[in-house]
Amino acid sequence: MDMLSGAQIAAADLADWRKLAQGLHARYLVADFATAARFVVAIGEVGDGLGHHPRVSIGAAHVDLTLVSDDAIYREGDGTEHVVQWVTQLDLDLARRITEVARGHDLAADPTGVSQLELGLDTAGSATVAPVWAALLTGDPASQGHGSPSDEVRDVTGRVPNLWFGDDDGSDPARQRFHLEVYVAPEVVEERVAAVLAAGGIVVDDSGAPGTTVIADQHGATGILCADMSAATRS
């Protein structure tokens, strides 16, 4: 099934869900674990009917869900096809059904509570270093390039954050090469940047804001706050 563009995802108008990195994310608030368990069982039954299921994480007062297709098709300009992890129509269909289930269980969504952490490493030779990081992060060589046409390292079990590689010519040995990328809902960006500033951080580069905002701590270590504006619903 073809991967969907940000515009196609936005057009679906999924009020409970936000596109972060590769997938759709939702958080539903629950009163206790038993409520969460009943909700997850109901989601499982709906997923069985569609042959597709979300990744699920249960917290003290919430259920976090991620929807992504492992067999989405990405086509290059020349027609070359790649099987990637991305949002497809199947994810949109299941997201709508899960929203219906949540309403039936009287559960409210908290779209501002979703987030995802990824790692970035700038390097001049990702093909050389990726096997090392695949081994360290996951212990599985197959995690290199999993769900991606690049050397990106993704753990199929979701135990650790994805690691992607950016370009670096090696001309500045002192340059920070590792950084964190924190994906949040678009409506959270302004508040999160304000919190960083209040904590003593600084904005290094906001030329890509609100999609990307580079921040730094008091010692100069940088990270990037990310929001997928292409998939944001326009009011």
C-alpha atoms as a PDB file:
ATOM      1  CA  MET A   1       0.000   0.000   0.000  1.00  0.00           C
ATOM      2  CA  ASP A   2       1.330   3.444  -0.905  1.00  0.00           C
ATOM      3  CA  MET A   3       2.717   5.734   1.792  1.00  0.00           C
ATOM      4  CA  LEU A   4       0.641   8.848   2.311  1.00  0.00           C
ATOM      5  CA  SER A   5       1.765  12.457   2.022  1.00  0.00           C
ATOM      6  CA  GLY A   6       1.408  14.951   4.837  1.00  0.00           C
ATOM      7  CA  ALA A   7      -1.405  16.645   2.947  1.00  0.00           C
ATOM      8  CA  GLN A   8      -3.314  13.364   2.669  1.00  0.00           C
ATOM      9  CA  ILE A   9      -2.907  12.728   6.389  1.00  0.00           C
ATOM     10  CA  ALA A  10      -4.036  16.251   7.245  1.00  0.00           C
ATOM     11  CA  ALA A  11      -7.077  15.882   4.984  1.00  0.00           C
ATOM     12  CA  ALA A  12      -8.185  12.862   7.031  1.00  0.00           C
ATOM     13  CA  ASP A  13      -8.812  15.292   9.935  1.00  0.00           C
ATOM     14  CA  LEU A  14      -8.036  12.787  12.691  1.00  0.00           C
ATOM     15  CA  ALA A  15      -8.680  14.959  15.745  1.00  0.00           C
ATOM     16  CA  ASP A  16      -7.225  12.485  18.267  1.00  0.00           C
ATOM     17  CA  TRP A  17      -4.058  11.705  16.328  1.00  0.00           C
ATOM     18  CA  ARG A  18      -0.839  13.499  15.451  1.00  0.00           C
ATOM     19  CA  LYS A  19       1.808  12.582  12.869  1.00  0.00           C
ATOM     20  CA  LEU A  20       5.212  12.288  14.578  1.00  0.00           C
ATOM     21  CA  ALA A  21       8.241  11.021  12.641  1.00  0.00           C
ATOM     22  CA  GLN A  22       7.080   7.947  10.685  1.00  0.00           C
ATOM     23  CA  GLY A  23       3.726   7.219  12.319  1.00  0.00           C
ATOM     24  CA  LEU A  24       0.456   8.417  13.815  1.00  0.00           C
ATOM     25  CA  HIS A  25       0.341   8.822  17.587  1.00  0.00           C
ATOM     26  CA  ALA A  26      -2.505   9.156  20.079  1.00  0.00           C
ATOM     27  CA  ARG A  27      -2.802   9.294  23.856  1.00  0.00           C
ATOM     28  CA  TYR A  28      -6.027   8.399  25.644  1.00  0.00           C
ATOM     29  CA  LEU A  29      -6.557   9.198  29.319  1.00  0.00           C
ATOM     30  CA  VAL A  30      -7.696   6.377  31.621  1.00  0.00           C
ATOM     31  CA  ALA A  31      -8.695   6.207  35.278  1.00  0.00           C
ATOM     32  CA  ASP A  32      -6.880   2.965  36.076  1.00  0.00           C
ATOM     33  CA  PHE A  33      -5.117  -0.055  34.617  1.00  0.00           C
ATOM     34  CA  ALA A  34      -8.319  -2.098  34.346  1.00  0.00           C
ATOM     35  CA  THR A  35      -9.875   0.595  32.160  1.00  0.00           C
ATOM     36  CA  ALA A  36      -6.743   0.659  30.025  1.00  0.00           C
ATOM     37  CA  ALA A  37      -6.794  -3.121  29.655  1.00  0.00           C
ATOM     38  CA  ARG A  38     -10.423  -3.179  28.538  1.00  0.00           C
ATOM     39  CA  PHE A  39      -9.702  -0.456  26.014  1.00  0.00           C
ATOM     40  CA  VAL A  40      -6.712  -2.326  24.598  1.00  0.00           C
ATOM     41  CA  VAL A  41      -8.737  -5.537  24.292  1.00  0.00           C
ATOM     42  CA  ALA A  42     -11.408  -3.656  22.323  1.00  0.00           C
ATOM     43  CA  ILE A  43      -8.739  -2.128  20.089  1.00  0.00           C
ATOM     44  CA  GLY A  44      -7.318  -5.587  19.488  1.00  0.00           C
ATOM     45  CA  GLU A  45     -10.687  -6.850  18.281  1.00  0.00           C
ATOM     46  CA  VAL A  46     -11.031  -3.939  15.855  1.00  0.00           C
ATOM     47  CA  GLY A  47      -7.461  -4.488  14.663  1.00  0.00           C
ATOM     48  CA  ASP A  48      -8.160  -8.170  14.104  1.00  0.00           C
ATOM     49  CA  GLY A  49     -10.940  -7.196  11.732  1.00  0.00           C
ATOM     50  CA  LEU A  50      -8.632  -4.975   9.681  1.00  0.00           C
ATOM     51  CA  GLY A  51      -5.564  -7.196   9.962  1.00  0.00           C
ATOM     52  CA  HIS A  52      -3.569  -4.337  11.447  1.00  0.00           C
ATOM     53  CA  HIS A  53      -2.710  -3.318  15.019  1.00  0.00           C
ATOM     54  CA  PRO A  54      -1.149  -0.368  16.834  1.00  0.00           C
ATOM     55  CA  ARG A  55       1.890  -0.379  19.076  1.00  0.00           C
ATOM     56  CA  VAL A  56       0.603   0.036  22.617  1.00  0.00           C
ATOM     57  CA  SER A  57       2.114   1.442  25.800  1.00  0.00           C
ATOM     58  CA  ILE A  58       0.144   1.669  29.046  1.00  0.00           C
ATOM     59  CA  GLY A  59       1.066   4.237  31.684  1.00  0.00           C
ATOM     60  CA  ALA A  60      -0.371   5.139  35.065  1.00  0.00           C
ATOM     61  CA  ALA A  61      -3.152   7.273  33.600  1.00  0.00           C
ATOM     62  CA  HIS A  62      -2.929   6.878  29.857  1.00  0.00           C
ATOM     63  CA  VAL A  63      -2.716   4.536  26.887  1.00  0.00           C
ATOM     64  CA  ASP A  64      -0.283   5.564  24.146  1.00  0.00           C
ATOM     65  CA  LEU A  65      -0.843   4.240  20.633  1.00  0.00           C
ATOM     66  CA  THR A  66       1.300   4.335  17.507  1.00  0.00           C
ATOM     67  CA  LEU A  67       0.079   3.416  14.041  1.00  0.00           C
ATOM     68  CA  VAL A  68       2.551   2.745  11.243  1.00  0.00           C
ATOM     69  CA  SER A  69       2.631   0.321   8.318  1.00  0.00           C
ATOM     70  CA  ASP A  70       5.768  -1.777   7.924  1.00  0.00           C
ATOM     71  CA  ASP A  71       5.087  -2.372   4.229  1.00  0.00           C
ATOM     72  CA  ALA A  72       4.374   1.119   2.906  1.00  0.00           C
ATOM     73  CA  ILE A  73       5.621   1.752  -0.626  1.00  0.00           C
ATOM     74  CA  TYR A  74       7.862   4.736  -1.326  1.00  0.00           C
ATOM     75  CA  ARG A  75       8.595   5.583  -4.970  1.00  0.00           C
ATOM     76  CA  GLU A  76      11.552   7.613  -6.142  1.00  0.00           C
ATOM     77  CA  GLY A  77      11.271   9.970  -9.084  1.00  0.00           C
ATOM     78  CA  ASP A  78      12.599   7.314 -11.444  1.00  0.00           C
ATOM     79  CA  GLY A  79       9.999   4.806 -10.297  1.00  0.00           C
ATOM     80  CA  THR A  80      12.276   2.787  -8.013  1.00  0.00           C
ATOM     81  CA  GLU A  81      10.197   1.357  -5.158  1.00  0.00           C
ATOM     82  CA  HIS A  82      11.207   0.899  -1.520  1.00  0.00           C
ATOM     83  CA  VAL A  83       9.330  -0.831   1.284  1.00  0.00           C
ATOM     84  CA  VAL A  84       9.347   1.565   4.228  1.00  0.00           C
ATOM     85  CA  GLN A  85       7.702   2.204   7.581  1.00  0.00           C
ATOM     86  CA  TRP A  86       5.187   4.988   7.094  1.00  0.00           C
ATOM     87  CA  VAL A  87       1.526   5.906   7.319  1.00  0.00           C
ATOM     88  CA  THR A  88      -0.829   4.277   4.809  1.00  0.00           C
ATOM     89  CA  GLN A  89      -4.588   4.323   4.275  1.00  0.00           C
ATOM     90  CA  LEU A  90      -4.824   1.281   6.536  1.00  0.00           C
ATOM     91  CA  ASP A  91      -3.474   3.365   9.427  1.00  0.00           C
ATOM     92  CA  LEU A  92      -6.046   6.093   8.788  1.00  0.00           C
ATOM     93  CA  ASP A  93      -8.831   3.523   8.732  1.00  0.00           C
ATOM     94  CA  LEU A  94      -7.717   1.959  11.999  1.00  0.00           C
ATOM     95  CA  ALA A  95      -7.191   5.364  13.629  1.00  0.00           C
ATOM     96  CA  ARG A  96     -10.814   6.251  12.909  1.00  0.00           C
ATOM     97  CA  ARG A  97     -12.025   2.943  14.338  1.00  0.00           C
ATOM     98  CA  ILE A  98      -9.919   3.368  17.475  1.00  0.00           C
ATOM     99  CA  THR A  99     -11.369   6.839  17.983  1.00  0.00           C
ATOM    100  CA  GLU A 100     -14.838   5.310  17.818  1.00  0.00           C
ATOM    101  CA  VAL A 101     -13.829   2.679  20.380  1.00  0.00           C
ATOM    102  CA  ALA A 102     -12.467   5.373  22.682  1.00  0.00           C
ATOM    103  CA  ARG A 103     -15.722   7.299  22.490  1.00  0.00           C
ATOM    104  CA  GLY A 104     -17.595   4.123  23.337  1.00  0.00           C
ATOM    105  CA  HIS A 105     -15.420   3.724  26.438  1.00  0.00           C
ATOM    106  CA  ASP A 106     -15.875   7.415  27.383  1.00  0.00           C
ATOM    107  CA  LEU A 107     -12.147   8.071  27.037  1.00  0.00           C
ATOM    108  CA  ALA A 108     -10.771  11.486  26.165  1.00  0.00           C
ATOM    109  CA  ALA A 109      -7.771  11.984  23.909  1.00  0.00           C
ATOM    110  CA  ASP A 110      -4.791  14.164  24.834  1.00  0.00           C
ATOM    111  CA  PRO A 111      -3.122  15.051  21.508  1.00  0.00           C
ATOM    112  CA  THR A 112      -0.713  17.437  23.227  1.00  0.00           C
ATOM    113  CA  GLY A 113       0.673  14.583  25.315  1.00  0.00           C
ATOM    114  CA  VAL A 114       2.165  12.589  22.438  1.00  0.00           C
ATOM    115  CA  SER A 115       5.889  12.693  21.688  1.00  0.00           C
ATOM    116  CA  GLN A 116       8.628  10.617  20.138  1.00  0.00           C
ATOM    117  CA  LEU A 117      12.388  10.627  20.628  1.00  0.00           C
ATOM    118  CA  GLU A 118      14.874   9.877  17.856  1.00  0.00           C
ATOM    119  CA  LEU A 119      18.664  10.074  17.687  1.00  0.00           C
ATOM    120  CA  GLY A 120      20.664  11.869  15.015  1.00  0.00           C
ATOM    121  CA  LEU A 121      24.316  11.330  14.098  1.00  0.00           C
ATOM    122  CA  ASP A 122      26.060  13.503  11.522  1.00  0.00           C
ATOM    123  CA  THR A 123      28.707  11.507   9.692  1.00  0.00           C
ATOM    124  CA  ALA A 124      30.583  11.415   6.419  1.00  0.00           C
ATOM    125  CA  GLY A 125      30.108   7.655   6.041  1.00  0.00           C
ATOM    126  CA  SER A 126      26.881   6.186   7.362  1.00  0.00           C
ATOM    127  CA  ALA A 127      27.398   2.871   5.554  1.00  0.00           C
ATOM    128  CA  THR A 128      30.647   2.384   7.486  1.00  0.00           C
ATOM    129  CA  VAL A 129      29.442   3.260  10.967  1.00  0.00           C
ATOM    130  CA  ALA A 130      25.815   2.076  10.810  1.00  0.00           C
ATOM    131  CA  PRO A 131      26.663  -1.599  11.488  1.00  0.00           C
ATOM    132  CA  VAL A 132      28.414  -0.584  14.704  1.00  0.00           C
ATOM    133  CA  TRP A 133      25.418   1.364  15.939  1.00  0.00           C
ATOM    134  CA  ALA A 134      22.994  -1.329  14.814  1.00  0.00           C
ATOM    135  CA  ALA A 135      24.942  -3.852  16.870  1.00  0.00           C
ATOM    136  CA  LEU A 136      25.170  -1.588  19.919  1.00  0.00           C
ATOM    137  CA  LEU A 137      21.565  -0.384  19.923  1.00  0.00           C
ATOM    138  CA  THR A 138      19.750  -3.561  18.902  1.00  0.00           C
ATOM    139  CA  GLY A 139      22.199  -6.441  18.591  1.00  0.00           C
ATOM    140  CA  ASP A 140      20.655  -7.185  15.199  1.00  0.00           C
ATOM    141  CA  PRO A 141      22.444  -6.354  11.910  1.00  0.00           C
ATOM    142  CA  ALA A 142      19.061  -6.360  10.137  1.00  0.00           C
ATOM    143  CA  SER A 143      18.091  -3.198  12.027  1.00  0.00           C
ATOM    144  CA  GLN A 144      20.325  -1.211   9.652  1.00  0.00           C
ATOM    145  CA  GLY A 145      18.037   0.069   6.898  1.00  0.00           C
ATOM    146  CA  HIS A 146      14.968  -1.544   8.460  1.00  0.00           C
ATOM    147  CA  GLY A 147      11.890   0.262   7.152  1.00  0.00           C
ATOM    148  CA  SER A 148      14.015   2.887   5.419  1.00  0.00           C
ATOM    149  CA  PRO A 149      15.860   3.249   2.091  1.00  0.00           C
ATOM    150  CA  SER A 150      18.768   4.759   4.048  1.00  0.00           C
ATOM    151  CA  ASP A 151      21.208   3.310   6.608  1.00  0.00           C
ATOM    152  CA  GLU A 152      18.936   4.443   9.445  1.00  0.00           C
ATOM    153  CA  VAL A 153      18.909   2.055  12.405  1.00  0.00           C
ATOM    154  CA  ARG A 154      15.450   0.997  13.599  1.00  0.00           C
ATOM    155  CA  ASP A 155      14.805  -1.660  16.221  1.00  0.00           C
ATOM    156  CA  VAL A 156      11.951  -3.849  15.013  1.00  0.00           C
ATOM    157  CA  THR A 157      10.822  -4.342  18.636  1.00  0.00           C
ATOM    158  CA  GLY A 158      10.767  -0.632  19.396  1.00  0.00           C
ATOM    159  CA  ARG A 159      12.982  -0.941  22.472  1.00  0.00           C
ATOM    160  CA  VAL A 160      15.276   1.946  21.560  1.00  0.00           C
ATOM    161  CA  PRO A 161      14.877   5.187  19.603  1.00  0.00           C
ATOM    162  CA  ASN A 162      15.563   5.225  15.871  1.00  0.00           C
ATOM    163  CA  LEU A 163      19.007   6.462  14.844  1.00  0.00           C
ATOM    164  CA  TRP A 164      19.287   8.363  11.574  1.00  0.00           C
ATOM    165  CA  PHE A 165      22.365   9.783   9.879  1.00  0.00           C
ATOM    166  CA  GLY A 166      22.933  13.324   8.659  1.00  0.00           C
ATOM    167  CA  ASP A 167      25.736  14.600   6.440  1.00  0.00           C
ATOM    168  CA  ASP A 168      29.044  15.814   7.860  1.00  0.00           C
ATOM    169  CA  ASP A 169      32.263  16.458   5.956  1.00  0.00           C
ATOM    170  CA  GLY A 170      34.473  16.004   9.005  1.00  0.00           C
ATOM    171  CA  SER A 171      36.053  19.448   8.644  1.00  0.00           C
ATOM    172  CA  ASP A 172      35.341  20.403  12.265  1.00  0.00           C
ATOM    173  CA  PRO A 173      36.533  17.686  14.675  1.00  0.00           C
ATOM    174  CA  ALA A 174      35.082  19.555  17.659  1.00  0.00           C
ATOM    175  CA  ARG A 175      31.587  19.779  16.200  1.00  0.00           C
ATOM    176  CA  GLN A 176      28.790  18.015  18.075  1.00  0.00           C
ATOM    177  CA  ARG A 177      27.684  15.086  15.940  1.00  0.00           C
ATOM    178  CA  PHE A 178      25.126  13.334  18.128  1.00  0.00           C
ATOM    179  CA  HIS A 179      21.902  15.088  18.985  1.00  0.00           C
ATOM    180  CA  LEU A 180      18.382  14.298  20.151  1.00  0.00           C
ATOM    181  CA  GLU A 181      15.269  14.954  18.100  1.00  0.00           C
ATOM    182  CA  VAL A 182      12.045  15.358  20.055  1.00  0.00           C
ATOM    183  CA  TYR A 183       8.858  15.126  17.996  1.00  0.00           C
ATOM    184  CA  VAL A 184       5.751  16.793  19.400  1.00  0.00           C
ATOM    185  CA  ALA A 185       2.327  17.877  18.190  1.00  0.00           C
ATOM    186  CA  PRO A 186       2.369  21.192  16.284  1.00  0.00           C
ATOM    187  CA  GLU A 187       0.293  22.959  18.929  1.00  0.00           C
ATOM    188  CA  VAL A 188       2.902  22.106  21.592  1.00  0.00           C
ATOM    189  CA  VAL A 189       5.894  23.750  19.899  1.00  0.00           C
ATOM    190  CA  GLU A 190       5.484  27.281  21.248  1.00  0.00           C
ATOM    191  CA  GLU A 191       4.908  26.078  24.811  1.00  0.00           C
ATOM    192  CA  ARG A 192       7.848  23.665  24.679  1.00  0.00           C
ATOM    193  CA  VAL A 193      10.243  26.319  23.375  1.00  0.00           C
ATOM    194  CA  ALA A 194       9.080  28.653  26.144  1.00  0.00           C
ATOM    195  CA  ALA A 195       9.788  25.933  28.707  1.00  0.00           C
ATOM    196  CA  VAL A 196      13.297  25.466  27.305  1.00  0.00           C
ATOM    197  CA  LEU A 197      13.984  29.192  27.536  1.00  0.00           C
ATOM    198  CA  ALA A 198      12.604  29.371  31.065  1.00  0.00           C
ATOM    199  CA  ALA A 199      14.922  26.535  32.060  1.00  0.00           C
ATOM    200  CA  GLY A 200      17.972  28.449  30.837  1.00  0.00           C
ATOM    201  CA  GLY A 201      18.276  27.071  27.316  1.00  0.00           C
ATOM    202  CA  ILE A 202      18.628  29.113  24.151  1.00  0.00           C
ATOM    203  CA  VAL A 203      17.273  28.914  20.622  1.00  0.00           C
ATOM    204  CA  VAL A 204      20.188  28.372  18.243  1.00  0.00           C
ATOM    205  CA  ASP A 205      18.241  28.303  14.986  1.00  0.00           C
ATOM    206  CA  ASP A 206      14.526  28.833  14.447  1.00  0.00           C
ATOM    207  CA  SER A 207      14.690  29.420  10.703  1.00  0.00           C
ATOM    208  CA  GLY A 208      12.797  26.160  10.191  1.00  0.00           C
ATOM    209  CA  ALA A 209      10.262  26.792  12.957  1.00  0.00           C
ATOM    210  CA  PRO A 210       7.751  25.596  13.821  1.00  0.00           C
ATOM    211  CA  GLY A 211       8.781  22.443  11.943  1.00  0.00           C
ATOM    212  CA  THR A 212      12.291  22.377  13.419  1.00  0.00           C
ATOM    213  CA  THR A 213      13.789  24.473  16.198  1.00  0.00           C
ATOM    214  CA  VAL A 214      17.393  23.900  17.260  1.00  0.00           C
ATOM    215  CA  ILE A 215      17.945  24.531  20.975  1.00  0.00           C
ATOM    216  CA  ALA A 216      21.010  24.352  23.197  1.00  0.00           C
ATOM    217  CA  ASP A 217      21.651  23.973  26.897  1.00  0.00           C
ATOM    218  CA  GLN A 218      23.955  26.205  28.945  1.00  0.00           C
ATOM    219  CA  HIS A 219      26.998  24.173  27.869  1.00  0.00           C
ATOM    220  CA  GLY A 220      26.219  24.306  24.151  1.00  0.00           C
ATOM    221  CA  ALA A 221      24.853  20.782  23.661  1.00  0.00           C
ATOM    222  CA  THR A 222      22.116  20.947  21.047  1.00  0.00           C
ATOM    223  CA  GLY A 223      18.867  19.175  20.311  1.00  0.00           C
ATOM    224  CA  ILE A 224      16.034  19.677  17.841  1.00  0.00           C
ATOM    225  CA  LEU A 225      12.359  20.145  18.560  1.00  0.00           C
ATOM    226  CA  CYS A 226      10.372  18.762  15.605  1.00  0.00           C
ATOM    227  CA  ALA A 227       6.758  18.992  14.465  1.00  0.00           C
ATOM    228  CA  ASP A 228       5.406  17.555  11.214  1.00  0.00           C
ATOM    229  CA  MET A 229       3.672  20.623   9.852  1.00  0.00           C
ATOM    230  CA  SER A 230       2.940  18.917   6.526  1.00  0.00           C
ATOM    231  CA  ALA A 231       0.416  16.653   8.257  1.00  0.00           C
ATOM    232  CA  ALA A 232      -1.056  19.306  10.558  1.00  0.00           C
ATOM    233  CA  THR A 233      -4.780  19.890  10.164  1.00  0.00           C
ATOM    234  CA  ARG A 234      -5.493  23.436   9.031  1.00  0.00           C
ATOM    235  CA  SER A 235      -8.205  25.188  11.018  1.00  0.00           C
END
